[in-house]
Amino acid sequence: MTKRLILTRHTKSSWDDPNTLDHDRPLNTRGQTAATDLGLWLFSRDYVPSQVLCSDAERSLKTWDRIAPALPKTTLLQIKPALYNAGPDVIMAVLRHAQTDVVMVIAHNPGIAEFASRIVANTPLNTAFNNYPTGATLVCDFAIDDWSALAYGDGVTIEFVVPREIGL
């Protein structure tokens, strides 16, 4: 059996209002466009999650809101407050409770970048992988029957992309 992970950092958020709490920052225009493009890219490659584990931060939720219209409506969205600014071990703990074969995680740096680098056996050649910019998305597979068996270093990289590389 194979499990697939789609690991996405939220897209670009707005810093326009200095009084807005970090947790409540919305997407800026570029982030909205990038998230829409990511949804189209995921669909075009048949990377369709059946479950999404999403941080409860506004920018993460809005990233999913812009990705979702391009995908079938059968995806289960689960809002996970623990993913807000989570480190790699928290991301791992949340993911080990996933329930479907294709899972998307939408979270934040620096935790998502560290998690991505630790979860795959071989990191992508794309230099953007090292800092995991906004909208960065890793698709990787695991030869496991259940997410509870997930371990660092076991992922096989399928593809990695950042929104500026999506030529839609």
C-alpha atoms as a PDB file:
ATOM      1  CA  MET A   1       0.000   0.000   0.000  1.00  0.00           C
ATOM      2  CA  THR A   2       1.159   3.548  -0.662  1.00  0.00           C
ATOM      3  CA  LYS A   3       0.312   6.780   1.122  1.00  0.00           C
ATOM      4  CA  ARG A   4       0.785  10.149  -0.579  1.00  0.00           C
ATOM      5  CA  LEU A   5       1.535  13.423   1.180  1.00  0.00           C
ATOM      6  CA  ILE A   6       1.006  16.847  -0.355  1.00  0.00           C
ATOM      7  CA  LEU A   7       2.869  19.266   1.901  1.00  0.00           C
ATOM      8  CA  THR A   8       2.011  22.924   1.244  1.00  0.00           C
ATOM      9  CA  ARG A   9       3.128  26.092   2.939  1.00  0.00           C
ATOM     10  CA  HIS A  10       0.366  28.707   2.930  1.00  0.00           C
ATOM     11  CA  THR A  11       0.632  31.263   0.138  1.00  0.00           C
ATOM     12  CA  LYS A  12       1.705  34.904   0.505  1.00  0.00           C
ATOM     13  CA  SER A  13      -0.036  36.801   3.286  1.00  0.00           C
ATOM     14  CA  SER A  14      -0.668  40.485   3.747  1.00  0.00           C
ATOM     15  CA  TRP A  15       1.289  42.688   6.115  1.00  0.00           C
ATOM     16  CA  ASP A  16      -0.749  45.801   5.224  1.00  0.00           C
ATOM     17  CA  ASP A  17      -2.299  46.270   8.667  1.00  0.00           C
ATOM     18  CA  PRO A  18       0.342  46.294  11.416  1.00  0.00           C
ATOM     19  CA  ASN A  19      -2.415  45.851  14.016  1.00  0.00           C
ATOM     20  CA  THR A  20      -3.506  42.493  12.607  1.00  0.00           C
ATOM     21  CA  LEU A  21      -2.387  39.580  14.746  1.00  0.00           C
ATOM     22  CA  ASP A  22      -0.112  37.077  12.991  1.00  0.00           C
ATOM     23  CA  HIS A  23      -2.763  34.360  13.291  1.00  0.00           C
ATOM     24  CA  ASP A  24      -5.335  36.573  11.559  1.00  0.00           C
ATOM     25  CA  ARG A  25      -3.325  37.834   8.568  1.00  0.00           C
ATOM     26  CA  PRO A  26      -5.199  37.354   5.267  1.00  0.00           C
ATOM     27  CA  LEU A  27      -3.709  36.471   1.900  1.00  0.00           C
ATOM     28  CA  ASN A  28      -2.526  39.316  -0.280  1.00  0.00           C
ATOM     29  CA  THR A  29      -3.437  39.468  -3.977  1.00  0.00           C
ATOM     30  CA  ARG A  30      -0.345  37.513  -4.998  1.00  0.00           C
ATOM     31  CA  GLY A  31      -1.159  34.843  -2.420  1.00  0.00           C
ATOM     32  CA  GLN A  32      -4.723  34.526  -3.662  1.00  0.00           C
ATOM     33  CA  THR A  33      -3.541  34.050  -7.247  1.00  0.00           C
ATOM     34  CA  ALA A  34      -0.830  31.600  -6.199  1.00  0.00           C
ATOM     35  CA  ALA A  35      -3.297  29.451  -4.247  1.00  0.00           C
ATOM     36  CA  THR A  36      -5.694  29.344  -7.195  1.00  0.00           C
ATOM     37  CA  ASP A  37      -2.807  28.340  -9.459  1.00  0.00           C
ATOM     38  CA  LEU A  38      -1.759  25.623  -7.004  1.00  0.00           C
ATOM     39  CA  GLY A  39      -5.251  24.157  -7.090  1.00  0.00           C
ATOM     40  CA  LEU A  40      -5.187  24.011 -10.881  1.00  0.00           C
ATOM     41  CA  TRP A  41      -1.679  22.545 -10.844  1.00  0.00           C
ATOM     42  CA  LEU A  42      -2.660  19.846  -8.327  1.00  0.00           C
ATOM     43  CA  PHE A  43      -5.706  18.901 -10.402  1.00  0.00           C
ATOM     44  CA  SER A  44      -3.711  18.853 -13.677  1.00  0.00           C
ATOM     45  CA  ARG A  45      -1.282  16.348 -12.145  1.00  0.00           C
ATOM     46  CA  ASP A  46      -3.995  14.293 -10.430  1.00  0.00           C
ATOM     47  CA  TYR A  47      -2.592  15.156  -6.995  1.00  0.00           C
ATOM     48  CA  VAL A  48      -5.990  15.257  -5.362  1.00  0.00           C
ATOM     49  CA  PRO A  49      -6.106  14.978  -1.585  1.00  0.00           C
ATOM     50  CA  SER A  50      -8.939  13.082   0.039  1.00  0.00           C
ATOM     51  CA  GLN A  51      -8.129  14.700   3.399  1.00  0.00           C
ATOM     52  CA  VAL A  52      -6.665  18.121   4.217  1.00  0.00           C
ATOM     53  CA  LEU A  53      -5.100  18.837   7.594  1.00  0.00           C
ATOM     54  CA  CYS A  54      -4.949  22.619   7.795  1.00  0.00           C
ATOM     55  CA  SER A  55      -3.622  25.110  10.317  1.00  0.00           C
ATOM     56  CA  ASP A  56      -6.345  27.317  11.759  1.00  0.00           C
ATOM     57  CA  ALA A  57      -4.510  30.530  10.787  1.00  0.00           C
ATOM     58  CA  GLU A  58      -6.457  32.751   8.390  1.00  0.00           C
ATOM     59  CA  ARG A  59      -3.777  32.578   5.677  1.00  0.00           C
ATOM     60  CA  SER A  60      -3.768  28.769   5.750  1.00  0.00           C
ATOM     61  CA  LEU A  61      -7.539  28.482   5.612  1.00  0.00           C
ATOM     62  CA  LYS A  62      -7.734  31.004   2.759  1.00  0.00           C
ATOM     63  CA  THR A  63      -4.999  29.124   0.899  1.00  0.00           C
ATOM     64  CA  TRP A  64      -7.202  26.030   1.021  1.00  0.00           C
ATOM     65  CA  ASP A  65     -10.282  28.072   0.075  1.00  0.00           C
ATOM     66  CA  ARG A  66      -8.512  29.154  -3.133  1.00  0.00           C
ATOM     67  CA  ILE A  67      -7.101  25.671  -3.915  1.00  0.00           C
ATOM     68  CA  ALA A  68     -10.335  23.755  -3.287  1.00  0.00           C
ATOM     69  CA  PRO A  69     -12.477  24.966  -6.236  1.00  0.00           C
ATOM     70  CA  ALA A  70     -10.144  23.219  -8.707  1.00  0.00           C
ATOM     71  CA  LEU A  71     -10.520  19.871  -6.957  1.00  0.00           C
ATOM     72  CA  PRO A  72     -13.385  17.387  -6.530  1.00  0.00           C
ATOM     73  CA  LYS A  73     -15.710  18.207  -3.648  1.00  0.00           C
ATOM     74  CA  THR A  74     -14.991  14.927  -1.873  1.00  0.00           C
ATOM     75  CA  THR A  75     -12.050  16.226   0.159  1.00  0.00           C
ATOM     76  CA  LEU A  76     -12.392  16.120   3.938  1.00  0.00           C
ATOM     77  CA  LEU A  77     -11.098  19.340   5.526  1.00  0.00           C
ATOM     78  CA  GLN A  78      -9.907  19.084   9.114  1.00  0.00           C
ATOM     79  CA  ILE A  79      -8.799  22.290  10.798  1.00  0.00           C
ATOM     80  CA  LYS A  80      -5.900  21.526  13.134  1.00  0.00           C
ATOM     81  CA  PRO A  81      -4.937  24.375  15.501  1.00  0.00           C
ATOM     82  CA  ALA A  82      -1.808  22.417  16.458  1.00  0.00           C
ATOM     83  CA  LEU A  83      -0.409  23.064  12.960  1.00  0.00           C
ATOM     84  CA  TYR A  84      -0.214  26.818  13.554  1.00  0.00           C
ATOM     85  CA  ASN A  85       3.542  27.528  13.703  1.00  0.00           C
ATOM     86  CA  ALA A  86       4.145  23.836  14.458  1.00  0.00           C
ATOM     87  CA  GLY A  87       7.564  22.261  14.494  1.00  0.00           C
ATOM     88  CA  PRO A  88       8.303  19.059  12.590  1.00  0.00           C
ATOM     89  CA  ASP A  89       7.475  16.701  15.455  1.00  0.00           C
ATOM     90  CA  VAL A  90       4.017  18.243  15.885  1.00  0.00           C
ATOM     91  CA  ILE A  91       3.389  18.018  12.128  1.00  0.00           C
ATOM     92  CA  MET A  92       4.456  14.367  12.294  1.00  0.00           C
ATOM     93  CA  ALA A  93       2.135  13.674  15.245  1.00  0.00           C
ATOM     94  CA  VAL A  94      -0.837  15.254  13.451  1.00  0.00           C
ATOM     95  CA  LEU A  95      -0.101  13.405  10.215  1.00  0.00           C
ATOM     96  CA  ARG A  96       0.155  10.041  11.969  1.00  0.00           C
ATOM     97  CA  HIS A  97      -3.587  10.350  12.678  1.00  0.00           C
ATOM     98  CA  ALA A  98      -4.524  10.885   9.017  1.00  0.00           C
ATOM     99  CA  GLN A  99      -7.250   8.617   7.709  1.00  0.00           C
ATOM    100  CA  THR A 100      -7.017   8.521   3.916  1.00  0.00           C
ATOM    101  CA  ASP A 101      -4.446   7.509   1.296  1.00  0.00           C
ATOM    102  CA  VAL A 102      -3.793  11.013  -0.078  1.00  0.00           C
ATOM    103  CA  VAL A 103      -3.362  13.720   2.556  1.00  0.00           C
ATOM    104  CA  MET A 104      -2.551  17.391   2.194  1.00  0.00           C
ATOM    105  CA  VAL A 105      -1.032  19.368   5.060  1.00  0.00           C
ATOM    106  CA  ILE A 106      -1.149  23.174   4.962  1.00  0.00           C
ATOM    107  CA  ALA A 107       1.105  24.766   7.548  1.00  0.00           C
ATOM    108  CA  HIS A 108       3.856  27.327   8.217  1.00  0.00           C
ATOM    109  CA  ASN A 109       7.576  27.971   8.188  1.00  0.00           C
ATOM    110  CA  PRO A 110       9.976  27.303   9.723  1.00  0.00           C
ATOM    111  CA  GLY A 111       8.413  24.005  10.840  1.00  0.00           C
ATOM    112  CA  ILE A 112       7.133  22.897   7.459  1.00  0.00           C
ATOM    113  CA  ALA A 113      10.549  23.444   5.825  1.00  0.00           C
ATOM    114  CA  GLU A 114      12.289  21.369   8.462  1.00  0.00           C
ATOM    115  CA  PHE A 115       9.608  18.683   8.307  1.00  0.00           C
ATOM    116  CA  ALA A 116       9.901  18.518   4.500  1.00  0.00           C
ATOM    117  CA  SER A 117      13.672  18.134   4.624  1.00  0.00           C
ATOM    118  CA  ARG A 118      13.458  15.380   7.238  1.00  0.00           C
ATOM    119  CA  ILE A 119      10.548  13.388   5.795  1.00  0.00           C
ATOM    120  CA  VAL A 120      12.064  12.559   2.386  1.00  0.00           C
ATOM    121  CA  ALA A 121      14.960  10.232   1.653  1.00  0.00           C
ATOM    122  CA  ASN A 122      16.302  12.541  -1.065  1.00  0.00           C
ATOM    123  CA  THR A 123      15.508  16.235  -1.205  1.00  0.00           C
ATOM    124  CA  PRO A 124      14.464  17.770  -4.519  1.00  0.00           C
ATOM    125  CA  LEU A 125      17.165  19.457  -6.594  1.00  0.00           C
ATOM    126  CA  ASN A 126      15.127  22.674  -6.709  1.00  0.00           C
ATOM    127  CA  THR A 127      17.056  25.212  -4.593  1.00  0.00           C
ATOM    128  CA  ALA A 128      13.776  26.748  -3.361  1.00  0.00           C
ATOM    129  CA  PHE A 129      13.224  23.577  -1.340  1.00  0.00           C
ATOM    130  CA  ASN A 130      15.814  24.725   1.203  1.00  0.00           C
ATOM    131  CA  ASN A 131      13.782  27.728   2.397  1.00  0.00           C
ATOM    132  CA  TYR A 132      10.300  26.443   1.443  1.00  0.00           C
ATOM    133  CA  PRO A 133       8.851  29.789   0.271  1.00  0.00           C
ATOM    134  CA  THR A 134       5.164  30.633   0.488  1.00  0.00           C
ATOM    135  CA  GLY A 135       3.082  28.255  -1.597  1.00  0.00           C
ATOM    136  CA  ALA A 136       5.891  25.675  -1.836  1.00  0.00           C
ATOM    137  CA  THR A 137       4.400  22.231  -2.337  1.00  0.00           C
ATOM    138  CA  LEU A 138       6.074  18.855  -1.990  1.00  0.00           C
ATOM    139  CA  VAL A 139       4.406  15.673  -3.207  1.00  0.00           C
ATOM    140  CA  CYS A 140       5.915  12.495  -1.793  1.00  0.00           C
ATOM    141  CA  ASP A 141       4.946   8.861  -1.375  1.00  0.00           C
ATOM    142  CA  PHE A 142       5.443   6.392   1.460  1.00  0.00           C
ATOM    143  CA  ALA A 143       5.404   2.596   1.283  1.00  0.00           C
ATOM    144  CA  ILE A 144       3.248   2.214   4.401  1.00  0.00           C
ATOM    145  CA  ASP A 145      -0.191   0.777   5.112  1.00  0.00           C
ATOM    146  CA  ASP A 146      -1.137   3.266   7.787  1.00  0.00           C
ATOM    147  CA  TRP A 147      -0.040   6.820   8.581  1.00  0.00           C
ATOM    148  CA  SER A 148       0.817   5.714  12.119  1.00  0.00           C
ATOM    149  CA  ALA A 149       3.878   4.000  10.594  1.00  0.00           C
ATOM    150  CA  LEU A 150       5.195   7.252   9.101  1.00  0.00           C
ATOM    151  CA  ALA A 151       8.890   7.846   9.785  1.00  0.00           C
ATOM    152  CA  TYR A 152      11.440  10.498   8.909  1.00  0.00           C
ATOM    153  CA  GLY A 153      13.523   9.731   5.836  1.00  0.00           C
ATOM    154  CA  ASP A 154      11.022   7.305   4.297  1.00  0.00           C
ATOM    155  CA  GLY A 155       9.390   9.617   1.749  1.00  0.00           C
ATOM    156  CA  VAL A 156      10.033   9.305  -1.966  1.00  0.00           C
ATOM    157  CA  THR A 157       9.897  12.702  -3.633  1.00  0.00           C
ATOM    158  CA  ILE A 158       7.474  12.775  -6.556  1.00  0.00           C
ATOM    159  CA  GLU A 159       7.471  16.500  -7.294  1.00  0.00           C
ATOM    160  CA  PHE A 160       8.219  19.874  -5.737  1.00  0.00           C
ATOM    161  CA  VAL A 161       6.953  23.218  -6.989  1.00  0.00           C
ATOM    162  CA  VAL A 162       6.676  26.841  -5.982  1.00  0.00           C
ATOM    163  CA  PRO A 163       3.865  28.974  -7.425  1.00  0.00           C
ATOM    164  CA  ARG A 164       6.132  31.140  -9.604  1.00  0.00           C
ATOM    165  CA  GLU A 165       7.157  27.988 -11.487  1.00  0.00           C
ATOM    166  CA  ILE A 166       3.589  27.083 -12.397  1.00  0.00           C
ATOM    167  CA  GLY A 167       3.092  28.381 -15.904  1.00  0.00           C
ATOM    168  CA  LEU A 168      -0.695  28.627 -16.030  1.00  0.00           C
END
